[in-house]
């Protein structure tokens, strides 16, 4: 069983985000291609919590943050940002060799590792949002514990205390910062909502505090896609063989061109979501609940399902 809370991942692509240098102007007149040199990114991975000893570690949070950063800044098919414009806010170390190698490559290419406390993360988020140019995209990724309190999703940082919500970062705060920055495009991934939140929860139990809630579209942001890794009230899991979250692993595989390609050889939001839903659903049915019918959630605005996320060559 996943000794974490379930995963909630939100992909928010605003004002026509595209992958690499794929011209989104082909679909949205007046909007140019994403230029990685104009983009900026923050990847938060909190495996260890320094003050609250009741919180279980999020075993693969650092791996998830590092691996996603590598895919989105180092791999040509899905390169949205230059690695020297990437900040990794980490608490703990990667658990698998490949993730450590990915981290080494990111650092060699100019990415920076910073602390992952509450004030650190907020400062990094503000700074990276301001660093985005007119042709760039803001990428923000959280991999950590998360809790749902009266419909509000809270993300825990390295120095958060479970009983004090003010020490965490709400999804609303992330929304406000992204909206106020006025960046032309944004891609936000939130990997939280783990299954087992505290050490008091016995193995095999599910913590009601961490029940995955549908993440609402960001107010005031145009062209959103919201992709949640766990259906409302559900949970997600870690894959101990893969040493990533089941959902995160599926997202990475989809961006590695395993998702269906459109006629131009692109992985779109719609294709990625279908691939991830099927992959995660199969994993849960085989290992946890054979009767489950939904594994993820997707909310799209307008025609954003057609947004390209990776360029893989022509479909066969």
C-alpha atoms as a PDB file:
ATOM      1  CA  UNK A   1       0.000   0.000   0.000  1.00  0.00           C
ATOM      2  CA  UNK A   2       1.111   3.484  -0.717  1.00  0.00           C
ATOM      3  CA  UNK A   3       2.408   5.011   2.493  1.00  0.00           C
ATOM      4  CA  UNK A   4       1.491   8.463   1.217  1.00  0.00           C
ATOM      5  CA  UNK A   5      -1.751  10.325   0.728  1.00  0.00           C
ATOM      6  CA  UNK A   6      -3.223   9.730  -2.805  1.00  0.00           C
ATOM      7  CA  UNK A   7      -1.987  11.940  -5.635  1.00  0.00           C
ATOM      8  CA  UNK A   8      -3.711  15.032  -6.969  1.00  0.00           C
ATOM      9  CA  UNK A   9      -2.039  16.368 -10.067  1.00  0.00           C
ATOM     10  CA  UNK A  10      -3.293  19.482 -11.805  1.00  0.00           C
ATOM     11  CA  UNK A  11      -2.116  20.471 -15.259  1.00  0.00           C
ATOM     12  CA  UNK A  12      -3.038  24.067 -15.961  1.00  0.00           C
ATOM     13  CA  UNK A  13      -2.032  25.317 -19.372  1.00  0.00           C
ATOM     14  CA  UNK A  14      -3.035  28.908 -19.921  1.00  0.00           C
ATOM     15  CA  UNK A  15      -3.172  31.117 -23.002  1.00  0.00           C
ATOM     16  CA  UNK A  16      -2.184  28.288 -25.334  1.00  0.00           C
ATOM     17  CA  UNK A  17       0.773  26.480 -23.781  1.00  0.00           C
ATOM     18  CA  UNK A  18       2.695  24.281 -26.184  1.00  0.00           C
ATOM     19  CA  UNK A  19       5.515  21.770 -25.870  1.00  0.00           C
ATOM     20  CA  UNK A  20       9.049  22.760 -26.798  1.00  0.00           C
ATOM     21  CA  UNK A  21       8.878  25.035 -29.862  1.00  0.00           C
ATOM     22  CA  UNK A  22       5.659  23.638 -31.316  1.00  0.00           C
ATOM     23  CA  UNK A  23       3.770  26.700 -32.653  1.00  0.00           C
ATOM     24  CA  UNK A  24       0.528  26.963 -30.737  1.00  0.00           C
ATOM     25  CA  UNK A  25      -0.246  29.795 -33.155  1.00  0.00           C
ATOM     26  CA  UNK A  26      -1.405  27.089 -35.540  1.00  0.00           C
ATOM     27  CA  UNK A  27      -4.420  26.625 -33.236  1.00  0.00           C
ATOM     28  CA  UNK A  28      -4.648  29.958 -31.429  1.00  0.00           C
ATOM     29  CA  UNK A  29      -4.133  32.896 -33.818  1.00  0.00           C
ATOM     30  CA  UNK A  30      -1.976  35.616 -32.339  1.00  0.00           C
ATOM     31  CA  UNK A  31      -0.180  33.340 -29.869  1.00  0.00           C
ATOM     32  CA  UNK A  32       3.416  32.427 -30.611  1.00  0.00           C
ATOM     33  CA  UNK A  33       5.407  29.292 -29.838  1.00  0.00           C
ATOM     34  CA  UNK A  34       6.726  28.599 -26.371  1.00  0.00           C
ATOM     35  CA  UNK A  35      10.366  29.645 -26.120  1.00  0.00           C
ATOM     36  CA  UNK A  36      12.197  27.617 -23.451  1.00  0.00           C
ATOM     37  CA  UNK A  37      14.600  30.508 -22.822  1.00  0.00           C
ATOM     38  CA  UNK A  38      11.612  32.659 -21.795  1.00  0.00           C
ATOM     39  CA  UNK A  39      10.181  29.991 -19.484  1.00  0.00           C
ATOM     40  CA  UNK A  40      10.861  29.363 -15.782  1.00  0.00           C
ATOM     41  CA  UNK A  41      10.067  26.405 -13.530  1.00  0.00           C
ATOM     42  CA  UNK A  42       9.824  25.370  -9.886  1.00  0.00           C
ATOM     43  CA  UNK A  43       9.716  21.685  -8.923  1.00  0.00           C
ATOM     44  CA  UNK A  44       8.977  20.996  -5.246  1.00  0.00           C
ATOM     45  CA  UNK A  45       9.681  17.547  -3.780  1.00  0.00           C
ATOM     46  CA  UNK A  46       9.175  17.033  -0.034  1.00  0.00           C
ATOM     47  CA  UNK A  47      10.143  13.587   1.170  1.00  0.00           C
ATOM     48  CA  UNK A  48      11.134  14.541   4.737  1.00  0.00           C
ATOM     49  CA  UNK A  49       9.314  16.780   7.227  1.00  0.00           C
ATOM     50  CA  UNK A  50      11.723  18.372   9.664  1.00  0.00           C
ATOM     51  CA  UNK A  51       9.458  19.411  12.557  1.00  0.00           C
ATOM     52  CA  UNK A  52       6.349  17.227  12.590  1.00  0.00           C
ATOM     53  CA  UNK A  53       7.457  13.722  13.553  1.00  0.00           C
ATOM     54  CA  UNK A  54       3.920  12.349  13.128  1.00  0.00           C
ATOM     55  CA  UNK A  55       4.079  12.818   9.345  1.00  0.00           C
ATOM     56  CA  UNK A  56       5.202   9.832   7.305  1.00  0.00           C
ATOM     57  CA  UNK A  57       7.862  10.466   4.715  1.00  0.00           C
ATOM     58  CA  UNK A  58       6.753  10.753   1.110  1.00  0.00           C
ATOM     59  CA  UNK A  59       9.125   8.140  -0.214  1.00  0.00           C
ATOM     60  CA  UNK A  60       9.309   9.074  -3.868  1.00  0.00           C
ATOM     61  CA  UNK A  61       8.415  12.781  -3.759  1.00  0.00           C
ATOM     62  CA  UNK A  62      11.960  13.876  -4.593  1.00  0.00           C
ATOM     63  CA  UNK A  63      12.179  11.271  -7.366  1.00  0.00           C
ATOM     64  CA  UNK A  64       8.895  12.531  -8.816  1.00  0.00           C
ATOM     65  CA  UNK A  65       9.993  16.177  -8.731  1.00  0.00           C
ATOM     66  CA  UNK A  66      13.416  15.443 -10.225  1.00  0.00           C
ATOM     67  CA  UNK A  67      12.124  13.075 -12.905  1.00  0.00           C
ATOM     68  CA  UNK A  68       9.413  15.498 -14.041  1.00  0.00           C
ATOM     69  CA  UNK A  69      11.954  18.338 -14.116  1.00  0.00           C
ATOM     70  CA  UNK A  70      14.220  16.207 -16.285  1.00  0.00           C
ATOM     71  CA  UNK A  71      11.439  15.309 -18.736  1.00  0.00           C
ATOM     72  CA  UNK A  72      10.239  18.908 -19.080  1.00  0.00           C
ATOM     73  CA  UNK A  73      13.636  20.610 -19.300  1.00  0.00           C
ATOM     74  CA  UNK A  74      16.140  18.084 -20.665  1.00  0.00           C
ATOM     75  CA  UNK A  75      14.294  15.786 -23.061  1.00  0.00           C
ATOM     76  CA  UNK A  76      13.826  17.266 -26.558  1.00  0.00           C
ATOM     77  CA  UNK A  77      10.317  15.902 -27.161  1.00  0.00           C
ATOM     78  CA  UNK A  78       8.816  17.670 -24.142  1.00  0.00           C
ATOM     79  CA  UNK A  79      11.289  20.467 -23.405  1.00  0.00           C
ATOM     80  CA  UNK A  80       9.342  23.493 -22.225  1.00  0.00           C
ATOM     81  CA  UNK A  81      12.059  25.251 -20.208  1.00  0.00           C
ATOM     82  CA  UNK A  82      15.832  25.585 -20.218  1.00  0.00           C
ATOM     83  CA  UNK A  83      17.413  23.720 -17.269  1.00  0.00           C
ATOM     84  CA  UNK A  84      19.292  26.812 -16.087  1.00  0.00           C
ATOM     85  CA  UNK A  85      15.866  28.412 -15.486  1.00  0.00           C
ATOM     86  CA  UNK A  86      14.763  25.530 -13.222  1.00  0.00           C
ATOM     87  CA  UNK A  87      14.671  25.600  -9.404  1.00  0.00           C
ATOM     88  CA  UNK A  88      14.303  22.339  -7.480  1.00  0.00           C
ATOM     89  CA  UNK A  89      13.039  22.879  -3.917  1.00  0.00           C
ATOM     90  CA  UNK A  90      13.827  19.566  -2.240  1.00  0.00           C
ATOM     91  CA  UNK A  91      13.671  18.010   1.218  1.00  0.00           C
ATOM     92  CA  UNK A  92      15.425  14.651   1.155  1.00  0.00           C
ATOM     93  CA  UNK A  93      17.269  12.697  -1.516  1.00  0.00           C
ATOM     94  CA  UNK A  94      16.180  10.656  -4.542  1.00  0.00           C
ATOM     95  CA  UNK A  95      15.594   6.981  -3.809  1.00  0.00           C
ATOM     96  CA  UNK A  96      16.621   5.452  -7.112  1.00  0.00           C
ATOM     97  CA  UNK A  97      19.838   5.717  -9.076  1.00  0.00           C
ATOM     98  CA  UNK A  98      18.186   7.018 -12.242  1.00  0.00           C
ATOM     99  CA  UNK A  99      16.640   9.927 -10.355  1.00  0.00           C
ATOM    100  CA  UNK A 100      20.032  10.775  -8.832  1.00  0.00           C
ATOM    101  CA  UNK A 101      21.544  10.699 -12.309  1.00  0.00           C
ATOM    102  CA  UNK A 102      18.741  12.949 -13.565  1.00  0.00           C
ATOM    103  CA  UNK A 103      19.442  15.354 -10.710  1.00  0.00           C
ATOM    104  CA  UNK A 104      23.170  15.381 -11.469  1.00  0.00           C
ATOM    105  CA  UNK A 105      22.436  16.142 -15.127  1.00  0.00           C
ATOM    106  CA  UNK A 106      20.057  18.961 -14.187  1.00  0.00           C
ATOM    107  CA  UNK A 107      22.616  20.521 -11.854  1.00  0.00           C
ATOM    108  CA  UNK A 108      25.364  20.235 -14.470  1.00  0.00           C
ATOM    109  CA  UNK A 109      23.065  22.048 -16.923  1.00  0.00           C
ATOM    110  CA  UNK A 110      22.492  24.922 -14.506  1.00  0.00           C
ATOM    111  CA  UNK A 111      19.418  23.970 -12.444  1.00  0.00           C
ATOM    112  CA  UNK A 112      19.518  25.015  -8.783  1.00  0.00           C
ATOM    113  CA  UNK A 113      18.564  23.069  -5.654  1.00  0.00           C
ATOM    114  CA  UNK A 114      16.980  25.150  -2.885  1.00  0.00           C
ATOM    115  CA  UNK A 115      15.298  24.467   0.486  1.00  0.00           C
ATOM    116  CA  UNK A 116      11.620  23.443   0.555  1.00  0.00           C
ATOM    117  CA  UNK A 117      10.263  25.290   3.585  1.00  0.00           C
ATOM    118  CA  UNK A 118       7.043  27.272   3.326  1.00  0.00           C
ATOM    119  CA  UNK A 119       8.651  30.703   2.927  1.00  0.00           C
ATOM    120  CA  UNK A 120      11.266  29.263   0.564  1.00  0.00           C
ATOM    121  CA  UNK A 121       8.659  27.752  -1.741  1.00  0.00           C
ATOM    122  CA  UNK A 122       6.538  30.910  -1.781  1.00  0.00           C
ATOM    123  CA  UNK A 123       9.588  33.053  -2.553  1.00  0.00           C
ATOM    124  CA  UNK A 124      10.706  30.703  -5.342  1.00  0.00           C
ATOM    125  CA  UNK A 125       7.208  30.661  -6.806  1.00  0.00           C
ATOM    126  CA  UNK A 126       6.979  34.464  -6.835  1.00  0.00           C
ATOM    127  CA  UNK A 127      10.453  34.824  -8.370  1.00  0.00           C
ATOM    128  CA  UNK A 128       9.955  32.186 -11.057  1.00  0.00           C
ATOM    129  CA  UNK A 129       6.588  33.667 -12.011  1.00  0.00           C
ATOM    130  CA  UNK A 130       8.213  37.073 -12.483  1.00  0.00           C
ATOM    131  CA  UNK A 131      11.018  35.522 -14.544  1.00  0.00           C
ATOM    132  CA  UNK A 132       8.716  34.288 -17.321  1.00  0.00           C
ATOM    133  CA  UNK A 133       9.001  36.256 -20.555  1.00  0.00           C
ATOM    134  CA  UNK A 134       6.298  37.030 -23.076  1.00  0.00           C
ATOM    135  CA  UNK A 135       6.955  33.830 -25.051  1.00  0.00           C
ATOM    136  CA  UNK A 136       7.526  31.559 -22.064  1.00  0.00           C
ATOM    137  CA  UNK A 137       5.579  29.216 -19.830  1.00  0.00           C
ATOM    138  CA  UNK A 138       5.606  29.008 -16.026  1.00  0.00           C
ATOM    139  CA  UNK A 139       5.930  25.414 -14.809  1.00  0.00           C
ATOM    140  CA  UNK A 140       5.231  24.594 -11.165  1.00  0.00           C
ATOM    141  CA  UNK A 141       5.212  21.081  -9.720  1.00  0.00           C
ATOM    142  CA  UNK A 142       4.502  19.929  -6.165  1.00  0.00           C
ATOM    143  CA  UNK A 143       5.195  16.411  -4.872  1.00  0.00           C
ATOM    144  CA  UNK A 144       4.417  16.227  -1.165  1.00  0.00           C
ATOM    145  CA  UNK A 145       1.754  15.397   1.390  1.00  0.00           C
ATOM    146  CA  UNK A 146      -1.562  17.111   0.914  1.00  0.00           C
ATOM    147  CA  UNK A 147      -4.736  17.316   2.952  1.00  0.00           C
ATOM    148  CA  UNK A 148      -8.279  18.287   2.126  1.00  0.00           C
ATOM    149  CA  UNK A 149      -9.894  20.541   4.733  1.00  0.00           C
ATOM    150  CA  UNK A 150     -13.482  21.587   3.967  1.00  0.00           C
ATOM    151  CA  UNK A 151     -12.868  21.441   0.251  1.00  0.00           C
ATOM    152  CA  UNK A 152      -9.562  23.323   0.332  1.00  0.00           C
ATOM    153  CA  UNK A 153      -6.417  21.494  -0.700  1.00  0.00           C
ATOM    154  CA  UNK A 154      -3.346  22.204   1.443  1.00  0.00           C
ATOM    155  CA  UNK A 155       0.190  21.282   0.382  1.00  0.00           C
ATOM    156  CA  UNK A 156       2.718  20.534   3.116  1.00  0.00           C
ATOM    157  CA  UNK A 157       6.248  21.905   2.951  1.00  0.00           C
ATOM    158  CA  UNK A 158       9.354  20.657   4.738  1.00  0.00           C
ATOM    159  CA  UNK A 159       8.611  22.694   7.880  1.00  0.00           C
ATOM    160  CA  UNK A 160       4.809  22.355   7.929  1.00  0.00           C
ATOM    161  CA  UNK A 161       2.905  21.199  11.007  1.00  0.00           C
ATOM    162  CA  UNK A 162      -0.131  19.037  10.319  1.00  0.00           C
ATOM    163  CA  UNK A 163      -2.350  20.667  12.937  1.00  0.00           C
ATOM    164  CA  UNK A 164      -1.547  24.203  11.787  1.00  0.00           C
ATOM    165  CA  UNK A 165      -2.868  24.884   8.296  1.00  0.00           C
ATOM    166  CA  UNK A 166      -1.141  28.276   8.234  1.00  0.00           C
ATOM    167  CA  UNK A 167       2.212  26.489   8.012  1.00  0.00           C
ATOM    168  CA  UNK A 168       1.241  24.829   4.721  1.00  0.00           C
ATOM    169  CA  UNK A 169       0.436  26.306   1.297  1.00  0.00           C
ATOM    170  CA  UNK A 170      -3.116  26.225   0.030  1.00  0.00           C
ATOM    171  CA  UNK A 171      -4.009  25.510  -3.566  1.00  0.00           C
ATOM    172  CA  UNK A 172      -5.726  28.910  -3.445  1.00  0.00           C
ATOM    173  CA  UNK A 173      -2.421  30.605  -2.621  1.00  0.00           C
ATOM    174  CA  UNK A 174      -0.751  28.902  -5.587  1.00  0.00           C
ATOM    175  CA  UNK A 175      -3.662  30.022  -7.755  1.00  0.00           C
ATOM    176  CA  UNK A 176      -3.402  33.617  -6.561  1.00  0.00           C
ATOM    177  CA  UNK A 177       0.335  33.837  -7.168  1.00  0.00           C
ATOM    178  CA  UNK A 178       0.041  32.398 -10.670  1.00  0.00           C
ATOM    179  CA  UNK A 179      -2.893  34.681 -11.502  1.00  0.00           C
ATOM    180  CA  UNK A 180      -1.265  37.842 -10.143  1.00  0.00           C
ATOM    181  CA  UNK A 181       1.955  37.194 -12.051  1.00  0.00           C
ATOM    182  CA  UNK A 182       0.136  37.603 -15.355  1.00  0.00           C
ATOM    183  CA  UNK A 183       2.342  35.054 -17.115  1.00  0.00           C
ATOM    184  CA  UNK A 184       1.280  34.276 -20.697  1.00  0.00           C
ATOM    185  CA  UNK A 185       1.099  30.507 -20.066  1.00  0.00           C
ATOM    186  CA  UNK A 186       1.310  28.266 -17.023  1.00  0.00           C
ATOM    187  CA  UNK A 187       1.606  24.554 -16.361  1.00  0.00           C
ATOM    188  CA  UNK A 188       0.995  23.539 -12.740  1.00  0.00           C
ATOM    189  CA  UNK A 189       1.271  19.970 -11.465  1.00  0.00           C
ATOM    190  CA  UNK A 190       0.229  19.223  -7.898  1.00  0.00           C
ATOM    191  CA  UNK A 191       1.175  15.771  -6.659  1.00  0.00           C
ATOM    192  CA  UNK A 192      -0.281  15.478  -3.176  1.00  0.00           C
ATOM    193  CA  UNK A 193      -3.218  13.758  -1.378  1.00  0.00           C
ATOM    194  CA  UNK A 194      -1.386  10.691  -0.144  1.00  0.00           C
ATOM    195  CA  UNK A 195      -3.085   7.641   1.284  1.00  0.00           C
ATOM    196  CA  UNK A 196      -1.386   7.399   4.675  1.00  0.00           C
ATOM    197  CA  UNK A 197      -0.656  10.767   6.229  1.00  0.00           C
ATOM    198  CA  UNK A 198       0.677  10.108   9.725  1.00  0.00           C
ATOM    199  CA  UNK A 199       2.557   7.405  11.560  1.00  0.00           C
ATOM    200  CA  UNK A 200      -0.552   6.797  13.692  1.00  0.00           C
ATOM    201  CA  UNK A 201      -2.352   5.407  10.652  1.00  0.00           C
ATOM    202  CA  UNK A 202      -1.866   1.659  10.447  1.00  0.00           C
ATOM    203  CA  UNK A 203      -0.626   0.114   7.243  1.00  0.00           C
ATOM    204  CA  UNK A 204      -3.611  -0.616   5.038  1.00  0.00           C
ATOM    205  CA  UNK A 205      -5.776   2.168   6.450  1.00  0.00           C
ATOM    206  CA  UNK A 206      -6.808   5.227   4.499  1.00  0.00           C
ATOM    207  CA  UNK A 207      -6.655   8.644   6.139  1.00  0.00           C
ATOM    208  CA  UNK A 208      -9.883  10.663   5.628  1.00  0.00           C
ATOM    209  CA  UNK A 209      -7.886  13.883   5.903  1.00  0.00           C
ATOM    210  CA  UNK A 210      -6.139  13.022   2.665  1.00  0.00           C
ATOM    211  CA  UNK A 211      -9.177  12.093   0.569  1.00  0.00           C
ATOM    212  CA  UNK A 212      -8.603  13.450  -2.914  1.00  0.00           C
ATOM    213  CA  UNK A 213     -10.842  16.383  -3.818  1.00  0.00           C
ATOM    214  CA  UNK A 214     -11.554  17.624  -7.313  1.00  0.00           C
ATOM    215  CA  UNK A 215      -9.235  20.588  -7.833  1.00  0.00           C
ATOM    216  CA  UNK A 216     -11.146  23.555  -9.211  1.00  0.00           C
ATOM    217  CA  UNK A 217      -9.965  25.498 -12.231  1.00  0.00           C
ATOM    218  CA  UNK A 218      -7.913  28.547 -11.374  1.00  0.00           C
ATOM    219  CA  UNK A 219     -10.079  31.654 -11.184  1.00  0.00           C
ATOM    220  CA  UNK A 220      -9.157  34.308 -13.698  1.00  0.00           C
ATOM    221  CA  UNK A 221      -6.871  32.075 -15.768  1.00  0.00           C
ATOM    222  CA  UNK A 222      -7.869  31.368 -19.366  1.00  0.00           C
ATOM    223  CA  UNK A 223      -7.581  28.033 -21.148  1.00  0.00           C
ATOM    224  CA  UNK A 224      -7.150  25.716 -18.180  1.00  0.00           C
ATOM    225  CA  UNK A 225      -6.706  21.995 -17.973  1.00  0.00           C
ATOM    226  CA  UNK A 226      -7.091  20.414 -14.517  1.00  0.00           C
ATOM    227  CA  UNK A 227      -5.897  16.837 -14.285  1.00  0.00           C
ATOM    228  CA  UNK A 228      -6.259  15.072 -10.942  1.00  0.00           C
ATOM    229  CA  UNK A 229      -4.549  11.771 -10.274  1.00  0.00           C
ATOM    230  CA  UNK A 230      -7.234  10.452  -7.954  1.00  0.00           C
ATOM    231  CA  UNK A 231     -10.979  10.507  -8.448  1.00  0.00           C
ATOM    232  CA  UNK A 232     -12.909  12.535  -5.869  1.00  0.00           C
ATOM    233  CA  UNK A 233     -12.820  10.786  -2.524  1.00  0.00           C
ATOM    234  CA  UNK A 234     -10.294   8.283  -3.839  1.00  0.00           C
ATOM    235  CA  UNK A 235      -6.628   7.615  -3.351  1.00  0.00           C
ATOM    236  CA  UNK A 236      -3.545   6.909  -5.419  1.00  0.00           C
ATOM    237  CA  UNK A 237      -0.513   4.780  -4.835  1.00  0.00           C
ATOM    238  CA  UNK A 238       3.243   4.461  -5.097  1.00  0.00           C
ATOM    239  CA  UNK A 239       4.754   1.855  -7.371  1.00  0.00           C
ATOM    240  CA  UNK A 240       7.590   0.352  -5.351  1.00  0.00           C
ATOM    241  CA  UNK A 241       8.942  -1.448  -8.409  1.00  0.00           C
ATOM    242  CA  UNK A 242       9.029   1.773 -10.465  1.00  0.00           C
ATOM    243  CA  UNK A 243       9.918   3.948  -7.441  1.00  0.00           C
ATOM    244  CA  UNK A 244       7.609   6.710  -8.583  1.00  0.00           C
ATOM    245  CA  UNK A 245       3.983   7.436  -7.934  1.00  0.00           C
ATOM    246  CA  UNK A 246       1.757   5.319 -10.168  1.00  0.00           C
ATOM    247  CA  UNK A 247       0.266   8.455 -11.656  1.00  0.00           C
ATOM    248  CA  UNK A 248       3.575  10.263 -12.062  1.00  0.00           C
ATOM    249  CA  UNK A 249       5.083   7.226 -13.755  1.00  0.00           C
ATOM    250  CA  UNK A 250       2.144   7.129 -16.180  1.00  0.00           C
ATOM    251  CA  UNK A 251       2.509  10.849 -16.959  1.00  0.00           C
ATOM    252  CA  UNK A 252       6.219  10.382 -17.674  1.00  0.00           C
ATOM    253  CA  UNK A 253       5.532   7.369 -19.898  1.00  0.00           C
ATOM    254  CA  UNK A 254       2.867   9.280 -21.778  1.00  0.00           C
ATOM    255  CA  UNK A 255       5.250  12.178 -22.392  1.00  0.00           C
ATOM    256  CA  UNK A 256       7.789   9.608 -23.565  1.00  0.00           C
ATOM    257  CA  UNK A 257       5.487   9.131 -26.543  1.00  0.00           C
ATOM    258  CA  UNK A 258       3.655   6.044 -25.243  1.00  0.00           C
ATOM    259  CA  UNK A 259       0.383   8.005 -25.367  1.00  0.00           C
ATOM    260  CA  UNK A 260      -1.488   8.066 -28.673  1.00  0.00           C
ATOM    261  CA  UNK A 261      -0.238  10.618 -31.211  1.00  0.00           C
ATOM    262  CA  UNK A 262      -2.379  12.900 -33.303  1.00  0.00           C
ATOM    263  CA  UNK A 263      -1.931  13.280 -37.051  1.00  0.00           C
ATOM    264  CA  UNK A 264       1.103  15.536 -36.555  1.00  0.00           C
ATOM    265  CA  UNK A 265       2.792  13.188 -34.135  1.00  0.00           C
ATOM    266  CA  UNK A 266       1.937  15.211 -31.006  1.00  0.00           C
ATOM    267  CA  UNK A 267       0.858  14.031 -27.549  1.00  0.00           C
ATOM    268  CA  UNK A 268      -2.071  16.230 -26.577  1.00  0.00           C
ATOM    269  CA  UNK A 269      -3.717  16.756 -23.195  1.00  0.00           C
ATOM    270  CA  UNK A 270      -6.598  14.534 -24.276  1.00  0.00           C
ATOM    271  CA  UNK A 271      -4.316  11.700 -25.383  1.00  0.00           C
ATOM    272  CA  UNK A 272      -2.192  11.956 -22.242  1.00  0.00           C
ATOM    273  CA  UNK A 273      -5.229  11.909 -19.964  1.00  0.00           C
ATOM    274  CA  UNK A 274      -6.673   8.836 -21.716  1.00  0.00           C
ATOM    275  CA  UNK A 275      -3.353   7.022 -21.481  1.00  0.00           C
ATOM    276  CA  UNK A 276      -2.855   7.897 -17.806  1.00  0.00           C
ATOM    277  CA  UNK A 277      -6.426   6.971 -16.853  1.00  0.00           C
ATOM    278  CA  UNK A 278      -6.109   3.547 -18.484  1.00  0.00           C
ATOM    279  CA  UNK A 279      -2.651   2.886 -17.035  1.00  0.00           C
ATOM    280  CA  UNK A 280      -3.569   3.898 -13.478  1.00  0.00           C
ATOM    281  CA  UNK A 281      -6.937   2.133 -13.605  1.00  0.00           C
ATOM    282  CA  UNK A 282      -5.279  -1.114 -14.703  1.00  0.00           C
ATOM    283  CA  UNK A 283      -2.692  -0.851 -11.915  1.00  0.00           C
ATOM    284  CA  UNK A 284      -5.343  -0.289  -9.219  1.00  0.00           C
ATOM    285  CA  UNK A 285      -7.580  -3.086 -10.494  1.00  0.00           C
ATOM    286  CA  UNK A 286      -4.690  -5.540 -10.544  1.00  0.00           C
ATOM    287  CA  UNK A 287      -3.267  -4.643  -7.124  1.00  0.00           C
ATOM    288  CA  UNK A 288      -5.856  -2.893  -4.961  1.00  0.00           C
ATOM    289  CA  UNK A 289      -9.508  -2.824  -6.025  1.00  0.00           C
ATOM    290  CA  UNK A 290     -10.784  -4.918  -8.963  1.00  0.00           C
ATOM    291  CA  UNK A 291     -14.113  -3.056  -8.922  1.00  0.00           C
ATOM    292  CA  UNK A 292     -12.810   0.501  -9.251  1.00  0.00           C
ATOM    293  CA  UNK A 293     -14.265   2.332 -12.251  1.00  0.00           C
ATOM    294  CA  UNK A 294     -12.408   5.662 -12.214  1.00  0.00           C
ATOM    295  CA  UNK A 295      -8.832   6.522 -11.361  1.00  0.00           C
ATOM    296  CA  UNK A 296      -8.305  10.137 -12.456  1.00  0.00           C
ATOM    297  CA  UNK A 297     -10.210  13.312 -13.209  1.00  0.00           C
ATOM    298  CA  UNK A 298      -9.891  15.799 -16.051  1.00  0.00           C
ATOM    299  CA  UNK A 299     -11.391  19.267 -16.378  1.00  0.00           C
ATOM    300  CA  UNK A 300     -10.801  21.220 -19.550  1.00  0.00           C
ATOM    301  CA  UNK A 301     -11.816  24.663 -20.708  1.00  0.00           C
ATOM    302  CA  UNK A 302     -12.691  25.301 -24.314  1.00  0.00           C
ATOM    303  CA  UNK A 303     -10.500  23.439 -26.787  1.00  0.00           C
ATOM    304  CA  UNK A 304      -7.625  22.863 -24.375  1.00  0.00           C
ATOM    305  CA  UNK A 305      -7.863  19.091 -24.754  1.00  0.00           C
ATOM    306  CA  UNK A 306      -6.037  19.577 -28.048  1.00  0.00           C
ATOM    307  CA  UNK A 307      -3.042  21.329 -26.480  1.00  0.00           C
ATOM    308  CA  UNK A 308       0.215  19.554 -27.434  1.00  0.00           C
ATOM    309  CA  UNK A 309       2.572  18.499 -24.641  1.00  0.00           C
ATOM    310  CA  UNK A 310       5.219  16.506 -26.500  1.00  0.00           C
ATOM    311  CA  UNK A 311       6.428  16.196 -30.087  1.00  0.00           C
ATOM    312  CA  UNK A 312       7.074  12.562 -31.021  1.00  0.00           C
ATOM    313  CA  UNK A 313       7.181  12.544 -34.803  1.00  0.00           C
ATOM    314  CA  UNK A 314       4.456  11.451 -37.150  1.00  0.00           C
ATOM    315  CA  UNK A 315       1.918   8.903 -35.950  1.00  0.00           C
ATOM    316  CA  UNK A 316       2.363   5.531 -37.590  1.00  0.00           C
END
